[in-house]
Amino acid sequence: MNKNGEAIYGTRGGIVAPQKWGVVTKKGQSVYVHVFDSAGLPEITIPGMNEKIARVELLNAKTKLTYKQQTDGLNISLANAPVDLYDTIIKITLL
């Protein structure tokens, strides 16, 4: 909980319907993408996410991730993302 508490405590879910790869939570200007099952996916898509974005990074590694906003949502590349065995958390900071 020390490692991932920021993405759990005080957040709210339900901003995006659960996906095959995981769920999304939000607190203020931070959106947390919990990837439970990446299953070798090169990228994930968060449907309907069209807010302006300042930064996309792994929560604990502070590694920036490549992303692209499209009409169907936000695509985030997992190519350089080390996968956590239980929950890979991506932090999206909104403007």
N, C-alpha and C. Protein backbone atom coordinates (compact mmCIF):
# COMPACT_ATOMS: atom_id res chain seq x y z
N MET A 1 0.82 -1.20 0.00
CA MET A 1 0.00 0.00 0.00
C MET A 1 0.87 1.26 0.00
N ASN A 2 2.07 1.18 0.59
CA ASN A 2 2.96 2.34 0.54
C ASN A 2 3.31 2.68 -0.90
N LYS A 3 3.51 1.65 -1.71
CA LYS A 3 3.94 1.82 -3.09
C LYS A 3 2.83 2.37 -3.98
N ASN A 4 1.60 1.90 -3.81
CA ASN A 4 0.51 2.25 -4.71
C ASN A 4 -0.64 3.01 -4.06
N GLY A 5 -0.49 3.42 -2.82
CA GLY A 5 -1.56 4.07 -2.08
C GLY A 5 -2.12 5.30 -2.77
N GLU A 6 -1.26 6.05 -3.42
CA GLU A 6 -1.69 7.27 -4.13
C GLU A 6 -2.79 6.96 -5.15
N ALA A 7 -2.72 5.80 -5.77
CA ALA A 7 -3.66 5.42 -6.82
C ALA A 7 -4.92 4.74 -6.28
N ILE A 8 -4.97 4.58 -4.94
CA ILE A 8 -6.10 3.86 -4.33
C ILE A 8 -6.87 4.76 -3.38
N TYR A 9 -6.19 5.31 -2.38
CA TYR A 9 -6.87 6.10 -1.34
C TYR A 9 -7.37 7.43 -1.89
N GLY A 10 -8.64 7.72 -1.63
CA GLY A 10 -9.24 8.98 -2.03
C GLY A 10 -9.58 9.07 -3.51
N THR A 11 -9.47 7.97 -4.22
CA THR A 11 -9.82 7.99 -5.64
C THR A 11 -11.26 7.53 -5.82
N ARG A 12 -11.77 7.76 -7.00
CA ARG A 12 -13.10 7.25 -7.33
C ARG A 12 -13.00 6.47 -8.63
N GLY A 13 -13.76 5.43 -8.73
CA GLY A 13 -13.78 4.61 -9.93
C GLY A 13 -14.99 4.92 -10.77
N GLY A 14 -15.20 4.14 -11.80
CA GLY A 14 -16.38 4.29 -12.62
C GLY A 14 -16.30 5.37 -13.66
N ILE A 15 -15.15 6.03 -13.82
CA ILE A 15 -15.06 7.07 -14.84
C ILE A 15 -14.93 6.45 -16.23
N VAL A 16 -14.46 5.21 -16.28
CA VAL A 16 -14.38 4.41 -17.49
C VAL A 16 -14.85 3.00 -17.11
N ALA A 17 -15.66 2.40 -17.94
CA ALA A 17 -16.11 1.03 -17.66
C ALA A 17 -14.91 0.10 -17.58
N PRO A 18 -14.95 -0.91 -16.72
CA PRO A 18 -13.84 -1.86 -16.64
C PRO A 18 -13.50 -2.44 -18.03
N GLN A 19 -12.22 -2.58 -18.28
CA GLN A 19 -11.72 -3.09 -19.56
C GLN A 19 -11.13 -4.48 -19.35
N LYS A 20 -10.83 -5.18 -20.43
CA LYS A 20 -10.22 -6.51 -20.32
C LYS A 20 -8.87 -6.45 -19.61
N TRP A 21 -8.15 -5.34 -19.78
CA TRP A 21 -6.82 -5.20 -19.19
C TRP A 21 -6.85 -4.68 -17.77
N GLY A 22 -7.95 -4.03 -17.32
CA GLY A 22 -7.99 -3.49 -15.96
C GLY A 22 -9.04 -2.41 -15.77
N VAL A 23 -8.75 -1.47 -14.83
CA VAL A 23 -9.71 -0.42 -14.46
C VAL A 23 -9.00 0.93 -14.35
N VAL A 24 -9.83 1.98 -14.23
CA VAL A 24 -9.31 3.35 -14.14
C VAL A 24 -9.92 4.02 -12.91
N THR A 25 -9.09 4.74 -12.15
CA THR A 25 -9.56 5.54 -11.02
C THR A 25 -9.09 6.98 -11.23
N LYS A 26 -9.66 7.90 -10.45
CA LYS A 26 -9.31 9.31 -10.60
C LYS A 26 -9.33 10.01 -9.25
N LYS A 27 -8.39 10.97 -9.10
CA LYS A 27 -8.37 11.85 -7.93
C LYS A 27 -7.84 13.20 -8.40
N GLY A 28 -8.70 14.21 -8.36
CA GLY A 28 -8.29 15.54 -8.82
C GLY A 28 -7.88 15.52 -10.28
N GLN A 29 -6.69 16.00 -10.57
CA GLN A 29 -6.17 16.05 -11.93
C GLN A 29 -5.35 14.82 -12.29
N SER A 30 -5.42 13.79 -11.48
CA SER A 30 -4.67 12.56 -11.72
C SER A 30 -5.61 11.41 -12.04
N VAL A 31 -5.31 10.71 -13.12
CA VAL A 31 -6.05 9.52 -13.52
C VAL A 31 -5.09 8.34 -13.38
N TYR A 32 -5.54 7.27 -12.74
CA TYR A 32 -4.70 6.10 -12.50
C TYR A 32 -5.25 4.92 -13.28
N VAL A 33 -4.41 4.37 -14.14
CA VAL A 33 -4.79 3.24 -14.96
C VAL A 33 -4.18 1.99 -14.33
N HIS A 34 -5.02 1.10 -13.85
CA HIS A 34 -4.57 -0.14 -13.21
C HIS A 34 -4.62 -1.26 -14.25
N VAL A 35 -3.44 -1.66 -14.72
CA VAL A 35 -3.36 -2.71 -15.74
C VAL A 35 -3.08 -4.03 -15.01
N PHE A 36 -4.11 -4.85 -14.91
CA PHE A 36 -3.99 -6.15 -14.23
C PHE A 36 -3.53 -7.24 -15.19
N ASP A 37 -3.88 -7.09 -16.47
CA ASP A 37 -3.55 -8.13 -17.44
C ASP A 37 -3.20 -7.50 -18.78
N SER A 38 -1.92 -7.27 -19.01
CA SER A 38 -1.50 -6.69 -20.28
C SER A 38 -1.33 -7.77 -21.34
N ALA A 39 -1.14 -9.02 -20.94
CA ALA A 39 -1.06 -10.19 -21.83
C ALA A 39 -0.30 -9.90 -23.12
N GLY A 40 0.83 -9.23 -23.00
CA GLY A 40 1.66 -8.95 -24.16
C GLY A 40 1.11 -7.88 -25.09
N LEU A 41 0.13 -7.11 -24.62
CA LEU A 41 -0.44 -6.06 -25.46
C LEU A 41 0.60 -4.98 -25.74
N PRO A 42 0.71 -4.52 -26.97
CA PRO A 42 1.65 -3.44 -27.26
C PRO A 42 1.15 -2.09 -26.75
N GLU A 43 -0.18 -1.98 -26.60
CA GLU A 43 -0.78 -0.75 -26.08
C GLU A 43 -2.15 -1.04 -25.50
N ILE A 44 -2.64 -0.09 -24.72
CA ILE A 44 -4.01 -0.17 -24.22
C ILE A 44 -4.74 1.09 -24.68
N THR A 45 -6.05 0.99 -24.76
CA THR A 45 -6.88 2.14 -25.12
C THR A 45 -7.84 2.42 -23.98
N ILE A 46 -7.88 3.68 -23.58
CA ILE A 46 -8.86 4.13 -22.58
C ILE A 46 -9.96 4.84 -23.35
N PRO A 47 -11.10 4.18 -23.52
CA PRO A 47 -12.16 4.75 -24.35
C PRO A 47 -12.74 6.04 -23.76
N GLY A 48 -13.03 6.99 -24.66
CA GLY A 48 -13.68 8.23 -24.25
C GLY A 48 -12.80 9.23 -23.54
N MET A 49 -11.53 8.94 -23.39
CA MET A 49 -10.63 9.86 -22.67
C MET A 49 -10.13 10.92 -23.65
N ASN A 50 -10.69 12.13 -23.53
CA ASN A 50 -10.30 13.20 -24.45
C ASN A 50 -9.87 14.48 -23.74
N GLU A 51 -9.61 14.40 -22.43
CA GLU A 51 -9.13 15.55 -21.69
C GLU A 51 -7.70 15.89 -22.13
N LYS A 52 -7.30 17.13 -21.92
CA LYS A 52 -5.92 17.54 -22.25
C LYS A 52 -4.97 16.94 -21.22
N ILE A 53 -3.87 16.41 -21.72
CA ILE A 53 -2.93 15.66 -20.89
C ILE A 53 -1.60 16.38 -20.78
N ALA A 54 -1.08 16.43 -19.56
CA ALA A 54 0.24 17.02 -19.31
C ALA A 54 1.33 15.96 -19.35
N ARG A 55 1.02 14.76 -18.82
CA ARG A 55 2.05 13.73 -18.69
C ARG A 55 1.42 12.36 -18.51
N VAL A 56 2.09 11.33 -19.05
CA VAL A 56 1.69 9.94 -18.85
C VAL A 56 2.94 9.19 -18.42
N GLU A 57 2.90 8.55 -17.24
CA GLU A 57 4.08 7.88 -16.70
C GLU A 57 3.70 6.69 -15.84
N LEU A 58 4.65 5.79 -15.64
CA LEU A 58 4.44 4.71 -14.68
C LEU A 58 4.49 5.33 -13.30
N LEU A 59 3.58 4.94 -12.43
CA LEU A 59 3.48 5.56 -11.11
C LEU A 59 4.75 5.44 -10.30
N ASN A 60 5.31 4.27 -10.18
CA ASN A 60 6.46 4.08 -9.30
C ASN A 60 7.80 4.29 -9.95
N ALA A 61 7.89 4.09 -11.24
CA ALA A 61 9.17 4.22 -11.92
C ALA A 61 9.39 5.63 -12.46
N LYS A 62 8.33 6.42 -12.54
CA LYS A 62 8.38 7.76 -13.12
C LYS A 62 8.90 7.73 -14.55
N THR A 63 8.69 6.61 -15.23
CA THR A 63 9.09 6.46 -16.62
C THR A 63 7.99 7.01 -17.50
N LYS A 64 8.33 7.96 -18.38
CA LYS A 64 7.34 8.51 -19.30
C LYS A 64 6.95 7.45 -20.31
N LEU A 65 5.65 7.43 -20.64
CA LEU A 65 5.13 6.51 -21.64
C LEU A 65 4.62 7.29 -22.84
N THR A 66 4.75 6.69 -24.00
CA THR A 66 4.27 7.30 -25.23
C THR A 66 2.76 7.10 -25.31
N TYR A 67 2.07 8.15 -25.73
CA TYR A 67 0.61 8.07 -25.85
C TYR A 67 0.14 8.87 -27.06
N LYS A 68 -1.08 8.56 -27.47
CA LYS A 68 -1.67 9.26 -28.61
C LYS A 68 -3.17 9.37 -28.36
N GLN A 69 -3.68 10.59 -28.44
CA GLN A 69 -5.11 10.79 -28.29
C GLN A 69 -5.76 10.67 -29.66
N GLN A 70 -6.84 9.88 -29.72
CA GLN A 70 -7.57 9.65 -30.95
C GLN A 70 -9.05 9.81 -30.67
N THR A 71 -9.84 9.75 -31.70
CA THR A 71 -11.28 9.96 -31.52
C THR A 71 -11.92 8.89 -30.64
N ASP A 72 -11.36 7.66 -30.63
CA ASP A 72 -11.94 6.60 -29.81
C ASP A 72 -11.42 6.58 -28.39
N GLY A 73 -10.42 7.41 -28.08
CA GLY A 73 -9.88 7.47 -26.73
C GLY A 73 -8.39 7.69 -26.72
N LEU A 74 -7.78 7.34 -25.61
CA LEU A 74 -6.35 7.53 -25.40
C LEU A 74 -5.63 6.20 -25.55
N ASN A 75 -4.67 6.14 -26.44
CA ASN A 75 -3.84 4.94 -26.62
C ASN A 75 -2.52 5.15 -25.91
N ILE A 76 -2.15 4.22 -25.05
CA ILE A 76 -0.89 4.29 -24.31
C ILE A 76 -0.04 3.10 -24.68
N SER A 77 1.18 3.37 -25.12
CA SER A 77 2.11 2.30 -25.49
C SER A 77 2.66 1.64 -24.23
N LEU A 78 2.69 0.32 -24.24
CA LEU A 78 3.27 -0.45 -23.14
C LEU A 78 4.63 -1.03 -23.53
N ALA A 79 5.17 -0.60 -24.67
CA ALA A 79 6.40 -1.17 -25.22
C ALA A 79 7.58 -1.09 -24.24
N ASN A 80 7.74 0.02 -23.54
CA ASN A 80 8.87 0.20 -22.62
C ASN A 80 8.46 0.12 -21.15
N ALA A 81 7.28 -0.37 -20.90
CA ALA A 81 6.76 -0.39 -19.53
C ALA A 81 7.08 -1.73 -18.85
N PRO A 82 7.87 -1.69 -17.78
CA PRO A 82 8.05 -2.93 -17.02
C PRO A 82 6.73 -3.32 -16.36
N VAL A 83 6.35 -4.56 -16.50
CA VAL A 83 5.06 -5.03 -16.00
C VAL A 83 5.18 -5.48 -14.55
N ASP A 84 4.28 -4.99 -13.71
CA ASP A 84 4.17 -5.45 -12.34
C ASP A 84 3.35 -6.73 -12.34
N LEU A 85 3.72 -7.68 -11.55
CA LEU A 85 3.05 -8.98 -11.54
C LEU A 85 1.55 -8.86 -11.23
N TYR A 86 1.17 -7.91 -10.36
CA TYR A 86 -0.22 -7.81 -9.94
C TYR A 86 -0.96 -6.59 -10.49
N ASP A 87 -0.29 -5.44 -10.53
CA ASP A 87 -0.97 -4.21 -10.92
C ASP A 87 0.05 -3.20 -11.43
N THR A 88 0.14 -3.05 -12.74
CA THR A 88 0.98 -2.01 -13.33
C THR A 88 0.14 -0.75 -13.33
N ILE A 89 0.62 0.31 -12.67
CA ILE A 89 -0.18 1.54 -12.56
C ILE A 89 0.45 2.63 -13.39
N ILE A 90 -0.37 3.19 -14.27
CA ILE A 90 0.02 4.31 -15.11
C ILE A 90 -0.68 5.54 -14.56
N LYS A 91 0.09 6.61 -14.35
CA LYS A 91 -0.48 7.87 -13.87
C LYS A 91 -0.58 8.85 -15.02
N ILE A 92 -1.78 9.36 -15.23
CA ILE A 92 -2.01 10.37 -16.25
C ILE A 92 -2.30 11.67 -15.51
N THR A 93 -1.49 12.70 -15.77
CA THR A 93 -1.70 14.00 -15.16
C THR A 93 -2.40 14.89 -16.19
N LEU A 94 -3.58 15.38 -15.82
CA LEU A 94 -4.37 16.24 -16.70
C LEU A 94 -3.98 17.69 -16.52
N LEU A 95 -4.18 18.47 -17.58
CA LEU A 95 -3.92 19.92 -17.49
C LEU A 95 -5.07 20.61 -16.79
